Protein backbone atom coordinates (compact mmCIF):
# COMPACT_ATOMS: atom_id res chain seq x y z
CA MET A 1 -5.72 0.00 -5.01
CA LYS A 2 -4.57 -1.68 -8.21
CA ILE A 3 -3.68 1.65 -9.82
CA ARG A 4 -1.58 2.63 -6.83
CA VAL A 5 0.29 -0.68 -6.80
CA ALA A 6 0.94 -0.42 -10.54
CA ALA A 7 2.21 3.14 -10.14
CA GLN A 8 4.56 2.06 -7.35
CA ALA A 9 5.91 -0.79 -9.48
CA VAL A 10 6.51 1.50 -12.47
CA THR A 11 8.28 4.05 -10.27
CA VAL A 12 10.60 1.42 -8.78
CA VAL A 13 11.46 0.09 -12.25
CA LEU A 14 12.19 3.56 -13.67
CA PHE A 15 14.29 4.50 -10.65
CA ALA A 16 16.21 1.23 -11.03
CA LEU A 17 16.90 1.94 -14.71
CA VAL A 18 18.27 5.39 -13.91
CA MET A 19 20.39 3.98 -11.11
CA GLY A 20 21.62 1.20 -13.40
CA VAL A 21 22.94 3.68 -15.95
CA PHE A 22 24.73 5.73 -13.29
CA TRP A 23 26.06 2.68 -11.47
CA GLY A 24 27.24 0.92 -14.61
CA THR A 25 29.27 3.86 -15.91
CA TRP A 26 30.69 4.59 -12.45
CA PHE A 27 31.57 1.00 -11.59
CA SER A 28 33.02 0.02 -14.97
CA LEU A 29 34.68 3.19 -16.26
CA SER A 30 34.65 6.49 -14.41
CA ARG A 31 36.49 5.19 -11.31
CA THR A 32 39.62 4.64 -13.43
CA MET A 33 39.06 7.30 -16.09
CA ASP A 34 41.99 9.33 -14.76
CA ARG A 35 44.32 6.62 -16.05
CA LEU A 36 43.22 7.15 -19.65
CA SER A 37 45.25 9.16 -22.09
CA GLY A 38 43.82 12.38 -23.51
CA GLU A 39 43.04 10.79 -26.85
CA THR A 40 41.30 7.77 -25.28
CA PHE A 41 39.36 9.99 -22.85
CA VAL A 42 37.98 12.11 -25.70
CA ALA A 43 36.99 9.06 -27.74
CA VAL A 44 35.28 7.36 -24.80
CA GLY A 45 33.58 10.59 -23.74
CA HIS A 46 32.14 11.20 -27.20
CA GLN A 47 30.80 7.66 -27.37
CA MET A 48 29.18 7.79 -23.92
CA ILE A 49 27.53 11.14 -24.63
CA GLN A 50 26.17 9.84 -27.93
CA ASN A 51 24.77 6.65 -26.38
CA LEU A 52 23.34 8.05 -23.13
CA GLY A 53 22.44 11.68 -23.83
CA VAL A 54 19.01 11.26 -25.40
CA PRO A 55 17.83 8.17 -23.42
CA MET A 56 18.71 9.74 -20.07
CA ALA A 57 17.07 13.04 -21.09
CA ILE A 58 13.83 11.03 -21.33
CA LEU A 59 14.29 8.40 -18.61
CA LEU A 60 15.24 10.65 -15.69
CA PRO A 61 12.35 13.16 -16.01
CA LEU A 62 9.94 10.29 -16.70
CA SER A 63 10.94 8.56 -13.47
CA LEU A 64 10.30 11.76 -11.52
CA VAL A 65 6.87 12.23 -13.12
CA SER A 66 5.98 8.63 -12.25
CA ALA A 67 7.10 9.16 -8.66
CA LEU A 68 5.06 12.35 -8.42
CA VAL A 69 1.90 10.57 -9.63
CA THR A 70 2.51 7.76 -7.15
CA LEU A 71 2.92 10.26 -4.33
CA VAL A 72 -0.48 11.75 -5.15
CA LEU A 73 -2.08 8.29 -5.09
CA LEU A 74 -0.41 7.42 -1.79
CA TRP A 75 -1.58 10.68 -0.25
CA ARG A 76 -5.16 10.00 -1.34
CA ASP A 77 -5.01 6.49 0.17
CA ARG A 78 -3.63 7.90 3.46
CA SER A 79 -0.58 5.62 3.17
CA THR A 80 1.57 7.80 5.42
CA VAL A 81 4.64 5.56 5.83
CA ALA A 82 4.79 4.61 2.15
CA PHE A 83 4.25 8.24 1.16
CA TRP A 84 7.20 9.56 3.17
CA TRP A 85 9.53 6.81 2.00
CA LEU A 86 8.73 7.56 -1.62
CA ALA A 87 8.98 11.29 -0.94
CA ALA A 88 12.53 10.71 0.33
CA GLY A 89 13.38 8.73 -2.81
CA PHE A 90 11.83 11.43 -4.97
CA ALA A 91 13.93 14.12 -3.25
CA LEU A 92 17.14 12.11 -3.75
CA MET A 93 16.40 11.64 -7.44
CA VAL A 94 15.63 15.36 -7.81
CA VAL A 95 19.06 16.17 -6.31
CA ALA A 96 20.64 13.74 -8.80
CA LEU A 97 18.82 15.53 -11.64
CA VAL A 98 20.02 18.92 -10.40
CA ALA A 99 23.61 17.66 -10.25
CA THR A 100 23.26 16.32 -13.78
CA LEU A 101 21.87 19.53 -15.22
CA ALA A 102 24.04 21.96 -13.24
CA VAL A 103 27.42 20.19 -13.45
CA GLU A 104 27.51 17.12 -15.67
CA VAL A 105 25.68 18.37 -18.75
CA PRO A 106 27.80 21.57 -19.11
CA ILE A 107 30.98 19.47 -18.89
CA ASP A 108 29.58 17.01 -21.45
CA ASN A 109 28.92 19.91 -23.79
CA GLN A 110 32.56 20.96 -23.46
CA ILE A 111 33.84 17.44 -24.10
CA GLN A 112 31.76 17.20 -27.28
CA ASP A 113 33.83 20.03 -28.76
CA TRP A 114 37.18 18.56 -27.75
CA THR A 115 39.52 16.60 -29.95
CA ALA A 116 42.83 15.01 -29.14
CA ALA A 117 44.56 18.03 -30.66
CA THR A 118 42.44 20.71 -28.96
CA LEU A 119 42.40 19.42 -25.37
CA PRO A 120 42.61 22.34 -22.90
CA GLY A 121 45.43 22.48 -20.45
CA ASP A 122 43.16 21.86 -17.41
CA TRP A 123 41.24 18.95 -18.91
CA ARG A 124 42.36 16.68 -16.04
CA SER A 125 40.74 18.95 -13.44
CA ILE A 126 37.54 19.09 -15.53
CA GLN A 127 37.60 15.32 -15.77
CA SER A 128 38.04 14.97 -12.00
CA ARG A 129 35.13 17.32 -11.38
CA TRP A 130 32.90 15.26 -13.68
CA GLU A 131 33.91 12.04 -11.91
CA LEU A 132 33.19 13.52 -8.46
CA TRP A 133 29.67 14.64 -9.29
CA HIS A 134 28.99 11.46 -11.21
CA THR A 135 29.88 9.48 -8.07
CA ILE A 136 27.56 11.69 -6.00
CA ARG A 137 24.58 11.26 -8.32
CA THR A 138 25.24 7.51 -8.56
CA PHE A 139 24.86 6.99 -4.81
CA LEU A 140 21.94 9.42 -4.65
CA SER A 141 20.14 7.26 -7.21
CA ILE A 142 20.93 4.12 -5.20
CA GLY A 143 19.35 5.72 -2.13
CA ALA A 144 16.31 6.70 -4.22
CA VAL A 145 15.81 3.11 -5.39
CA ILE A 146 16.08 1.80 -1.83
CA ALA A 147 13.54 4.32 -0.55
CA ALA A 148 11.11 3.63 -3.41
CA THR A 149 11.40 -0.13 -2.82
CA ILE A 150 10.70 0.25 0.90
CA SER A 151 7.71 2.42 0.05
CA ALA A 152 6.30 -0.35 -2.13
CA VAL A 153 6.92 -3.00 0.54
CA VAL A 154 5.38 -1.12 3.47
CA GLY A 155 2.28 -0.06 1.47
CA PRO A 156 -1.13 -1.01 2.97
CA ARG A 157 -2.47 -4.47 2.26
CA PRO A 158 -6.15 -5.28 1.73
CA SER A 159 -7.70 -6.59 4.91
CA ARG A 160 -11.12 -7.74 6.05
CA PRO A 161 -13.25 -5.12 7.78
CA PRO A 162 -13.41 -5.55 11.57
CA ALA A 163 -16.25 -7.68 12.86
CA MET A 164 -19.19 -5.81 14.32
CA LYS A 165 -19.45 -6.46 18.01
CA GLU A 166 -22.11 -5.47 20.46
CA PRO A 167 -20.68 -3.74 23.52
CA GLY A 168 -21.27 -5.84 26.58
CA PRO A 169 -22.36 -4.64 30.02
CA PRO A 170 -19.87 -4.13 32.84
CA SER A 171 -18.61 -7.25 34.52
CA GLY A 172 -21.05 -8.81 36.98
CA ARG A 173 -24.20 -7.16 35.60
CA PRO A 174 -26.95 -9.51 34.30
CA ARG A 175 -28.15 -9.39 30.71
CA VAL A 176 -31.90 -8.88 30.16
CA LEU A 177 -33.39 -10.82 27.27
CA MET A 178 -36.94 -10.33 26.01
CA GLY A 179 -38.70 -12.28 23.30
CA ALA A 180 -37.69 -12.10 19.65
CA SER A 181 -35.92 -8.76 20.07
CA SER A 182 -33.06 -10.24 22.06
CA HIS A 183 -29.60 -11.30 20.92
CA SER A 184 -27.57 -14.36 21.71
CA ARG A 185 -24.03 -15.49 21.18
CA THR A 186 -23.39 -17.77 18.23
CA GLY A 187 -20.58 -20.14 17.36
CA ALA A 188 -17.95 -20.35 20.07
CA GLY A 189 -19.30 -17.21 21.72
CA ALA A 190 -16.36 -15.09 20.55
CA GLY A 191 -18.21 -11.82 20.63
CA VAL A 192 -20.28 -12.31 17.44
CA TRP A 193 -23.99 -11.55 17.84
CA ARG A 194 -27.03 -12.42 15.76
CA SER A 195 -30.57 -11.15 16.03
CA THR A 196 -33.16 -13.79 16.85
CA ALA A 197 -35.40 -12.18 14.22
CA ASN A 198 -33.40 -14.12 11.59
CA TRP A 199 -33.91 -17.53 13.22
CA SER A 200 -35.97 -20.02 11.30
CA ARG A 201 -39.58 -20.39 12.36
CA PRO A 202 -41.01 -23.93 12.16
CA THR A 203 -44.51 -24.78 11.05
CA LEU A 204 -47.21 -24.46 13.67
CA PRO A 205 -49.13 -27.54 14.88
CA ASN A 206 -52.21 -26.57 12.82
CA GLY A 207 -50.14 -26.75 9.60
CA ARG A 208 -49.94 -23.02 8.98
CA SER A 209 -46.59 -21.47 8.20
CA ASN A 210 -45.08 -19.32 10.88
CA GLN A 211 -43.16 -17.10 8.41
CA PRO A 212 -44.39 -13.48 8.40
CA GLY A 213 -46.81 -12.85 5.56
CA ALA A 214 -47.27 -16.52 4.64
CA GLY A 215 -50.77 -17.83 3.89
CA ARG A 216 -53.78 -15.53 4.04
CA GLY A 217 -52.64 -13.51 7.01
CA ARG A 218 -49.60 -12.39 8.92
CA VAL A 219 -48.80 -14.56 11.89
CA THR A 220 -47.71 -12.56 14.93
CA VAL A 221 -45.06 -13.95 17.23
CA ALA A 222 -45.89 -13.19 20.81
CA PRO A 223 -43.03 -11.77 22.84
CA GLY A 224 -41.61 -14.08 25.41
CA PRO A 225 -41.52 -13.36 29.11
CA ARG A 226 -38.95 -10.92 30.41
CA LEU A 227 -36.10 -13.01 31.69
CA THR A 228 -32.98 -12.02 33.52
CA VAL A 229 -30.08 -14.44 33.11
CA PRO A 230 -26.41 -14.18 34.06
CA TRP A 231 -24.00 -12.73 31.52
CA SER A 232 -23.29 -15.97 29.66
CA LYS A 233 -24.05 -17.71 26.43
CA VAL A 234 -27.72 -18.66 26.12
CA ASN A 235 -29.57 -21.04 23.84
CA PRO A 236 -33.10 -20.53 22.51
CA ILE A 237 -35.77 -23.17 23.15
CA ASP A 238 -38.85 -23.25 20.90
CA THR A 239 -42.15 -24.11 22.55
CA TYR A 240 -45.77 -23.70 21.47
CA ARG A 241 -48.68 -22.38 23.43
CA GLY A 242 -51.86 -22.24 21.48
CA PRO A 243 -51.61 -20.76 17.96
CA TYR A 244 -48.60 -18.59 18.81
CA GLN A 245 -44.93 -19.31 19.10
CA ARG A 246 -43.14 -18.27 22.21
CA ARG A 247 -39.40 -18.31 22.85
CA ARG A 248 -37.73 -18.66 26.15
CA TYR A 249 -34.11 -19.00 27.06
CA GLU A 250 -31.92 -20.97 29.31
CA PRO A 251 -28.20 -20.78 30.00
CA ALA A 252 -26.11 -22.88 27.63
CA VAL A 253 -24.67 -26.08 28.97
CA ALA A 254 -20.88 -26.20 28.58
């Protein structure tokens, strides 16, 4: 459980870092990059490639590996809803990676070789193509972060195991109780049952302990008479007859 939660948290953080890089460059620069002169565009492009090339080559694959590990853990825990949300985020981030490798990286490699004096004649169209696919991968990464966050939120929470309940008879049928092998309702009678074998056994009138195995011999508790009472909460009443303990029952008084 703890490993799965930690893996989900790491995946969300890594996805958010990738999205932050894409969003920051799109929001602050690439939307208006077509207004830059050729010389400024080359200078800015070289600086961005130098600053982001190596970190993103590590961060983006690492985020996908983390998501893949988390998917395996979610599948093992049978967290179906969380699994499919993270699978959607993983698919979106994979598409962003494909767009980066298939379109953006080749264009970046071209820009690295450009100078203000050697700009090709169609550099504006190349720039527009880079901006289009950068916008696409930016919003793909945003969708991936949203899906990964939802996956972490809807994950299963630890809960108490359901209380063990004894199935009751059909309505209107009496309940037959017999001696120490019977059951009775406890507490507010909310469906919780306890065996009378665990009830305390007081000391007998002759001073001997009534606990099984106490003293020199094992004291046997005689079974009580077979009683048929309505289907209701019953209370035990301890009485003594000779050297043995006998239990009988009566309906509980509301």
